Amino acid sequence: MPTIADTPAGKRNAFAHLGALLLDAGYAVTDVHMALSKVAEKTGHPEMTFAILPQTVMVSDEPSGAATVVNATGAELPFRTTARVSALVRKLATGKVPVSGFSKHIQTIRDEAVAPGLWAVSVGSGLLSVGLGMLFRIPWWSVITAAILGVIIGLVIYGAGRVRGAGTIITFVIAFCSTFAVGLLASTLDLGPIPLFAVCAPLAVLVPGATITNGLLELSSTDMVTGSSRLMYGVLVLGFMTTGIGAAARVTGLTINSHGATLLGDVKGVGAFADLRLADIHGLGMFGGLGMLEELPPLWVSWIGVVGVAMGISMAFGAGRMLTLLSIPAMILTYAGITVLSPWIGSIGAAGVVACG
């Protein structure tokens, strides 16, 4: 990639590549426009104007009217690289990185971006599943099942990412197969209704949370085309997941225990249900002799679950060691805030307050 020059074309090219890097880092279209505008103003290039689409950056300058178009690669950057991109934008906006080194820094970040490997994705997916199982206090047998399925799903996701055209249909296939495995186990061992997160925990890595969040941010900023398309894609992925879960449940006769559908702040308040043995609730039959596997984790295990979720997300999405060490206390503090505030203002209110903080 050419370095930034004193020519208008060189400046447009550098800004366009920075915008493409921000898109690959997962920034919303609105945030990319704001970041580029801020950098242009701080670096003495107010003549630059920007038009951002989900995969395309167009940069023009007012004196000449010429424009430069650069497409994003479409490959999501790992969290570690995303953090470097954010740091670069801050340094450009504060003048810590000179304009002459603009393109060099962008290319260095591109060259050093390494996607998480097979081991990291599979183990990270497994840890995320286990962490959610502990956090929402599903029975120990469900936690073990979620761990196994989470690792398998991580392996499938890693492989599917290298198959062109896998698309969103892989979401349906994974959701169906995972739920089918849980339903088959429930049917074979006569487990009765299954806790919600025994089904959902292994699939958490598939949830398009960032896509939906960015879509809502863009819609709220009147970027109607990009926001609508991104939001519709996220809803489509969730639709495939829901259809896969529903189809597998239908085939296996799986039913969900309504007591398991609790918000995070309400988990500790499930009352006697949290302290009963699962056999006392469902009449587990042949599964009733496995001791602690039929019990729900004690409340203190939820804190271990928070650490599992943090480590799982960090590993699966390539956060790196330093970001992982930072994310663990951040998630512990978030969970602590929700736990403390929920009895006073409810789970939804507590989540909102903590998010604002």
Protein backbone atom coordinates (compact mmCIF):
# COMPACT_ATOMS: atom_id res chain seq x y z
CA MET A 1 0.00 0.00 0.00
CA PRO A 2 1.45 3.38 -0.95
CA THR A 3 2.51 5.72 1.79
CA ILE A 4 0.70 9.00 2.28
CA ALA A 5 2.04 11.75 0.07
CA ASP A 6 1.52 15.45 -0.36
CA THR A 7 -0.69 14.80 -3.37
CA PRO A 8 -4.49 14.78 -2.93
CA ALA A 9 -4.63 11.25 -4.35
CA GLY A 10 -2.15 9.99 -1.76
CA LYS A 11 -4.12 11.55 1.09
CA ARG A 12 -7.43 10.16 -0.17
CA ASN A 13 -5.89 6.73 -0.54
CA ALA A 14 -4.56 6.71 3.03
CA PHE A 15 -7.86 7.84 4.53
CA ALA A 16 -9.75 5.25 2.46
CA HIS A 17 -7.50 2.43 3.67
CA LEU A 18 -7.92 3.60 7.25
CA GLY A 19 -11.69 3.48 6.81
CA ALA A 20 -11.50 -0.03 5.34
CA LEU A 21 -9.40 -1.11 8.31
CA LEU A 22 -12.02 0.28 10.71
CA LEU A 23 -14.78 -1.63 8.90
CA ASP A 24 -12.80 -4.86 9.16
CA ALA A 25 -12.29 -4.12 12.85
CA GLY A 26 -16.06 -4.25 13.35
CA TYR A 27 -16.80 -0.53 13.62
CA ALA A 28 -20.29 0.63 12.73
CA VAL A 29 -20.56 2.75 9.59
CA THR A 30 -21.48 5.76 11.70
CA ASP A 31 -18.42 5.28 13.92
CA VAL A 32 -16.13 4.94 10.89
CA HIS A 33 -17.42 8.23 9.48
CA MET A 34 -16.95 9.98 12.83
CA ALA A 35 -13.43 8.58 13.27
CA LEU A 36 -12.29 9.58 9.78
CA SER A 37 -13.79 13.05 10.12
CA LYS A 38 -12.07 13.56 13.46
CA VAL A 39 -8.71 12.37 12.14
CA ALA A 40 -9.06 14.57 9.04
CA GLU A 41 -9.79 17.62 11.18
CA LYS A 42 -7.00 16.98 13.68
CA THR A 43 -4.40 16.30 10.98
CA GLY A 44 -5.25 19.43 9.00
CA HIS A 45 -7.30 17.89 6.18
CA PRO A 46 -10.78 19.35 6.64
CA GLU A 47 -11.31 19.26 2.87
CA MET A 48 -11.79 15.49 3.02
CA THR A 49 -15.36 14.16 2.83
CA PHE A 50 -16.41 10.57 3.40
CA ALA A 51 -19.17 8.20 2.32
CA ILE A 52 -19.20 4.86 4.13
CA LEU A 53 -21.01 1.63 3.22
CA PRO A 54 -20.76 -1.70 5.10
CA GLN A 55 -17.93 -2.91 2.85
CA THR A 56 -16.82 0.23 1.00
CA VAL A 57 -15.15 3.53 1.84
CA MET A 58 -15.33 6.51 -0.55
CA VAL A 59 -13.11 9.53 0.10
CA SER A 60 -13.22 12.77 -1.86
CA ASP A 61 -11.67 16.20 -1.44
CA GLU A 62 -13.49 19.43 -2.05
CA PRO A 63 -10.84 21.31 -4.08
CA SER A 64 -10.54 18.74 -6.87
CA GLY A 65 -13.79 16.81 -6.52
CA ALA A 66 -11.89 13.57 -7.20
CA ALA A 67 -12.73 10.46 -5.23
CA THR A 68 -10.98 7.29 -4.10
CA VAL A 69 -12.84 4.05 -3.38
CA VAL A 70 -11.43 1.21 -1.28
CA ASN A 71 -13.24 -1.99 -0.32
CA ALA A 72 -12.85 -3.68 3.05
CA THR A 73 -11.52 -7.23 2.96
CA GLY A 74 -14.62 -8.60 4.65
CA ALA A 75 -12.50 -10.70 7.01
CA GLU A 76 -13.15 -9.82 10.64
CA LEU A 77 -10.04 -8.84 12.56
CA PRO A 78 -9.27 -10.51 15.91
CA PHE A 79 -9.93 -8.52 19.05
CA ARG A 80 -6.22 -7.90 19.61
CA THR A 81 -5.92 -6.24 16.21
CA THR A 82 -9.13 -4.29 16.76
CA ALA A 83 -7.60 -2.82 19.90
CA ARG A 84 -4.55 -1.74 17.89
CA VAL A 85 -6.79 -0.08 15.31
CA SER A 86 -8.59 1.87 18.05
CA ALA A 87 -5.24 2.93 19.51
CA LEU A 88 -4.06 4.12 16.08
CA VAL A 89 -7.16 6.27 15.60
CA ARG A 90 -6.64 7.88 19.02
CA LYS A 91 -2.98 8.57 18.28
CA LEU A 92 -3.81 10.09 14.89
CA ALA A 93 -6.47 12.30 16.45
CA THR A 94 -4.10 13.53 19.14
CA GLY A 95 -1.12 14.01 16.86
CA LYS A 96 0.99 11.26 18.47
CA VAL A 97 1.33 9.57 15.08
CA PRO A 98 2.53 11.92 12.32
CA VAL A 99 0.65 12.14 9.05
CA SER A 100 3.74 10.91 7.21
CA GLY A 101 3.48 7.54 9.01
CA PHE A 102 -0.23 7.11 8.36
CA SER A 103 -0.14 4.35 5.74
CA LYS A 104 2.83 2.57 7.26
CA HIS A 105 0.96 1.98 10.51
CA ILE A 106 -2.10 0.72 8.66
CA GLN A 107 -0.07 -1.78 6.66
CA THR A 108 1.80 -2.94 9.78
CA ILE A 109 -1.47 -3.67 11.54
CA ARG A 110 -2.71 -5.60 8.50
CA ASP A 111 0.47 -7.63 8.27
CA GLU A 112 0.53 -8.54 11.95
CA ALA A 113 -3.16 -9.52 12.19
CA VAL A 114 -3.32 -13.23 13.00
CA ALA A 115 -6.68 -14.95 13.27
CA PRO A 116 -7.18 -17.30 16.24
CA GLY A 117 -6.16 -20.86 15.45
CA LEU A 118 -8.09 -24.10 15.66
CA TRP A 119 -7.09 -24.76 19.27
CA ALA A 120 -8.03 -21.27 20.42
CA VAL A 121 -11.44 -21.25 18.69
CA SER A 122 -12.45 -24.71 19.87
CA VAL A 123 -11.27 -24.33 23.48
CA GLY A 124 -12.63 -20.78 23.63
CA SER A 125 -16.04 -21.94 22.44
CA GLY A 126 -15.99 -24.71 25.05
CA LEU A 127 -15.03 -22.32 27.85
CA LEU A 128 -17.77 -19.89 26.81
CA SER A 129 -20.34 -22.70 26.94
CA VAL A 130 -19.13 -23.92 30.34
CA GLY A 131 -19.02 -20.37 31.71
CA LEU A 132 -22.59 -19.65 30.65
CA GLY A 133 -23.74 -22.97 32.10
CA MET A 134 -22.20 -22.12 35.46
CA LEU A 135 -23.37 -18.53 35.31
CA PHE A 136 -26.99 -19.53 34.76
CA ARG A 137 -26.68 -22.55 37.08
CA ILE A 138 -27.80 -25.39 34.87
CA PRO A 139 -27.28 -28.98 36.20
CA TRP A 140 -23.77 -30.36 36.15
CA TRP A 141 -24.62 -32.90 33.46
CA SER A 142 -25.76 -29.97 31.28
CA VAL A 143 -22.51 -28.12 31.96
CA ILE A 144 -20.50 -31.14 30.83
CA THR A 145 -22.68 -31.58 27.75
CA ALA A 146 -22.35 -27.88 26.90
CA ALA A 147 -18.55 -28.13 27.22
CA ILE A 148 -18.35 -31.03 24.78
CA LEU A 149 -20.74 -29.47 22.29
CA GLY A 150 -19.03 -26.10 22.62
CA VAL A 151 -15.66 -27.56 21.64
CA ILE A 152 -17.20 -29.41 18.69
CA ILE A 153 -19.02 -26.28 17.52
CA GLY A 154 -15.75 -24.34 17.75
CA LEU A 155 -14.11 -26.92 15.49
CA VAL A 156 -16.98 -26.66 13.00
CA ILE A 157 -16.89 -22.85 13.00
CA TYR A 158 -13.16 -22.86 12.37
CA GLY A 159 -13.56 -25.27 9.45
CA ALA A 160 -16.59 -23.46 8.02
CA GLY A 161 -14.68 -20.19 8.03
CA ARG A 162 -12.35 -21.71 5.45
CA VAL A 163 -15.13 -22.97 3.19
CA ARG A 164 -16.29 -20.39 0.69
CA GLY A 165 -20.06 -20.06 0.54
CA ALA A 166 -20.82 -21.66 3.91
CA GLY A 167 -22.78 -18.52 4.78
CA THR A 168 -25.54 -18.40 7.32
CA ILE A 169 -26.84 -21.89 6.51
CA ILE A 170 -24.07 -23.31 8.70
CA THR A 171 -25.81 -21.58 11.63
CA PHE A 172 -28.93 -23.67 11.04
CA VAL A 173 -26.92 -26.87 10.71
CA ILE A 174 -24.96 -26.25 13.93
CA ALA A 175 -28.06 -25.26 15.91
CA PHE A 176 -29.96 -28.31 14.68
CA CYS A 177 -27.17 -30.79 15.37
CA SER A 178 -26.36 -29.36 18.82
CA THR A 179 -30.00 -29.31 19.92
CA PHE A 180 -30.54 -32.76 18.43
CA ALA A 181 -27.69 -34.10 20.58
CA VAL A 182 -29.17 -32.57 23.73
CA GLY A 183 -32.64 -33.77 22.82
CA LEU A 184 -31.40 -37.29 22.10
CA LEU A 185 -29.65 -37.39 25.47
CA ALA A 186 -32.79 -36.12 27.23
CA SER A 187 -34.95 -38.68 25.47
CA THR A 188 -32.60 -41.62 26.06
CA LEU A 189 -32.13 -40.90 29.76
CA ASP A 190 -35.69 -39.69 30.33
CA LEU A 191 -34.54 -36.34 31.70
CA GLY A 192 -37.81 -34.51 31.21
CA PRO A 193 -37.83 -30.73 30.47
CA ILE A 194 -34.34 -29.36 29.88
CA PRO A 195 -32.99 -26.02 31.24
CA LEU A 196 -32.93 -23.33 28.58
CA PHE A 197 -29.18 -22.77 28.72
CA ALA A 198 -28.47 -26.48 28.33
CA VAL A 199 -29.57 -25.87 24.75
CA CYS A 200 -28.41 -22.28 24.26
CA ALA A 201 -25.00 -22.25 26.00
CA PRO A 202 -23.14 -24.21 23.28
CA LEU A 203 -24.62 -21.90 20.62
CA ALA A 204 -23.59 -18.62 22.28
CA VAL A 205 -20.55 -18.20 20.04
CA LEU A 206 -22.89 -17.99 17.04
CA VAL A 207 -25.00 -15.08 18.31
CA PRO A 208 -24.44 -12.02 16.03
CA GLY A 209 -24.47 -9.53 18.89
CA ALA A 210 -21.98 -7.08 17.36
CA THR A 211 -23.80 -7.09 14.02
CA ILE A 212 -27.17 -6.29 15.59
CA THR A 213 -25.65 -3.66 17.89
CA ASN A 214 -23.93 -1.91 14.98
CA GLY A 215 -27.15 -2.05 12.97
CA LEU A 216 -29.08 -0.35 15.76
CA LEU A 217 -26.37 2.29 16.17
CA GLU A 218 -26.49 3.04 12.45
CA LEU A 219 -30.28 3.24 12.41
CA SER A 220 -30.24 5.62 15.36
CA SER A 221 -27.79 7.81 13.43
CA THR A 222 -30.05 7.83 10.32
CA ASP A 223 -27.76 5.55 8.31
CA MET A 224 -30.90 3.77 7.18
CA VAL A 225 -29.55 1.62 4.35
CA THR A 226 -26.52 0.22 6.14
CA GLY A 227 -28.32 -0.06 9.49
CA SER A 228 -31.28 -1.89 7.98
CA SER A 229 -29.14 -4.31 6.01
CA ARG A 230 -26.92 -5.11 8.97
CA LEU A 231 -29.87 -5.51 11.32
CA MET A 232 -31.70 -7.75 8.85
CA TYR A 233 -28.61 -9.94 8.51
CA GLY A 234 -28.40 -10.32 12.28
CA VAL A 235 -32.10 -11.18 12.49
CA LEU A 236 -31.62 -13.69 9.67
CA VAL A 237 -28.83 -15.44 11.58
CA LEU A 238 -30.97 -15.55 14.72
CA GLY A 239 -33.82 -16.91 12.60
CA PHE A 240 -31.65 -19.74 11.31
CA MET A 241 -30.60 -20.54 14.87
CA THR A 242 -34.17 -20.53 16.13
CA THR A 243 -35.34 -22.68 13.25
CA GLY A 244 -32.56 -25.18 13.84
CA ILE A 245 -33.35 -25.40 17.57
CA GLY A 246 -37.07 -25.74 16.91
CA ALA A 247 -36.63 -28.40 14.23
CA ALA A 248 -34.35 -30.52 16.41
CA ALA A 249 -36.66 -30.14 19.41
CA ARG A 250 -39.56 -31.26 17.26
CA VAL A 251 -37.72 -34.33 16.02
CA THR A 252 -36.49 -35.42 19.46
CA GLY A 253 -39.50 -34.32 21.51
CA LEU A 254 -37.34 -31.96 23.55
CA THR A 255 -39.11 -29.58 25.93
CA ILE A 256 -37.62 -26.58 27.75
CA ASN A 257 -38.01 -26.09 31.50
CA SER A 258 -39.62 -22.68 31.96
CA HIS A 259 -37.77 -22.18 35.27
CA GLY A 260 -34.50 -21.99 33.33
CA ALA A 261 -35.55 -18.89 31.36
CA THR A 262 -34.27 -16.32 33.85
CA LEU A 263 -32.38 -13.06 33.41
CA LEU A 264 -28.84 -12.90 34.74
CA GLY A 265 -29.76 -10.78 37.74
CA ASP A 266 -32.52 -13.22 38.70
CA VAL A 267 -30.37 -16.36 38.68
CA LYS A 268 -29.59 -16.22 42.39
CA GLY A 269 -33.22 -15.60 43.15
CA VAL A 270 -34.69 -18.78 41.70
CA GLY A 271 -35.44 -19.84 45.25
CA ALA A 272 -35.95 -23.45 46.17
CA PHE A 273 -35.54 -24.52 42.56
CA ALA A 274 -31.83 -23.71 42.76
CA ASP A 275 -31.31 -25.94 45.77
CA LEU A 276 -33.34 -28.98 44.75
CA ARG A 277 -31.82 -31.99 43.12
CA LEU A 278 -32.81 -32.30 39.50
CA ALA A 279 -34.15 -35.80 40.17
CA ASP A 280 -36.64 -34.33 42.65
CA ILE A 281 -37.99 -32.03 39.95
CA HIS A 282 -38.03 -34.22 36.88
CA GLY A 283 -37.94 -37.79 38.15
CA LEU A 284 -34.82 -38.65 36.23
CA GLY A 285 -35.26 -42.39 36.26
CA MET A 286 -32.09 -44.14 35.13
CA PHE A 287 -30.10 -40.90 35.50
CA GLY A 288 -30.92 -40.50 39.18
CA GLY A 289 -27.94 -42.42 40.53
CA LEU A 290 -25.16 -40.14 39.32
CA GLY A 291 -25.00 -38.00 42.45
CA MET A 292 -23.77 -34.48 41.96
CA LEU A 293 -24.23 -34.56 38.18
CA GLU A 294 -27.95 -34.15 38.71
CA GLU A 295 -27.53 -31.18 41.05
CA LEU A 296 -27.37 -27.49 40.22
CA PRO A 297 -24.08 -25.65 40.86
CA PRO A 298 -23.95 -23.61 44.08
CA LEU A 299 -24.24 -19.85 43.76
CA TRP A 300 -20.52 -19.18 44.21
CA VAL A 301 -19.78 -21.19 41.05
CA SER A 302 -21.38 -18.37 39.05
CA TRP A 303 -18.27 -16.26 39.69
CA ILE A 304 -16.13 -18.97 38.12
CA GLY A 305 -18.59 -18.92 35.24
CA VAL A 306 -17.92 -15.22 34.69
CA VAL A 307 -14.21 -15.95 34.35
CA GLY A 308 -15.00 -18.80 31.94
CA VAL A 309 -17.11 -16.52 29.76
CA ALA A 310 -14.39 -13.85 29.67
CA MET A 311 -11.65 -16.33 28.80
CA GLY A 312 -13.84 -18.13 26.25
CA ILE A 313 -14.73 -14.97 24.35
CA SER A 314 -11.12 -13.78 24.45
CA MET A 315 -9.74 -17.06 23.10
CA ALA A 316 -12.41 -17.63 20.45
CA PHE A 317 -12.06 -14.11 19.04
CA GLY A 318 -8.31 -13.62 19.41
CA ALA A 319 -8.11 -11.05 22.19
CA GLY A 320 -4.57 -11.87 23.24
CA ARG A 321 -3.11 -12.17 26.71
CA MET A 322 -3.29 -8.54 27.84
CA LEU A 323 -6.86 -7.97 26.70
CA THR A 324 -7.89 -11.24 28.34
CA LEU A 325 -6.37 -10.16 31.64
CA LEU A 326 -8.27 -6.89 31.37
CA SER A 327 -11.58 -8.45 30.33
CA ILE A 328 -11.74 -10.83 33.31
CA PRO A 329 -11.93 -8.12 36.04
CA ALA A 330 -14.16 -6.02 33.77
CA MET A 331 -16.70 -8.84 33.49
CA ILE A 332 -16.44 -9.64 37.20
CA LEU A 333 -17.23 -6.02 38.04
CA THR A 334 -20.11 -6.03 35.55
CA TYR A 335 -21.58 -9.17 37.09
CA ALA A 336 -21.09 -7.76 40.58
CA GLY A 337 -22.92 -4.58 39.60
CA ILE A 338 -25.87 -6.53 38.17
CA THR A 339 -25.97 -8.80 41.22
CA VAL A 340 -25.99 -5.88 43.67
CA LEU A 341 -28.47 -3.67 41.80
CA SER A 342 -30.97 -6.30 40.62
CA PRO A 343 -32.79 -6.66 43.97
CA TRP A 344 -33.34 -2.89 44.03
CA ILE A 345 -34.17 -1.94 40.44
CA GLY A 346 -34.71 -5.26 38.69
CA SER A 347 -32.51 -7.17 36.24
CA ILE A 348 -33.28 -5.00 33.22
CA GLY A 349 -32.67 -1.76 35.13
CA ALA A 350 -29.45 -3.13 36.63
CA ALA A 351 -28.18 -4.16 33.21
CA GLY A 352 -28.93 -0.70 31.86
CA VAL A 353 -27.16 1.08 34.72
CA VAL A 354 -24.11 -1.15 34.45
CA ALA A 355 -23.98 -0.69 30.67
CA CYS A 356 -24.06 3.09 31.10
CA GLY A 357 -21.21 2.85 33.59
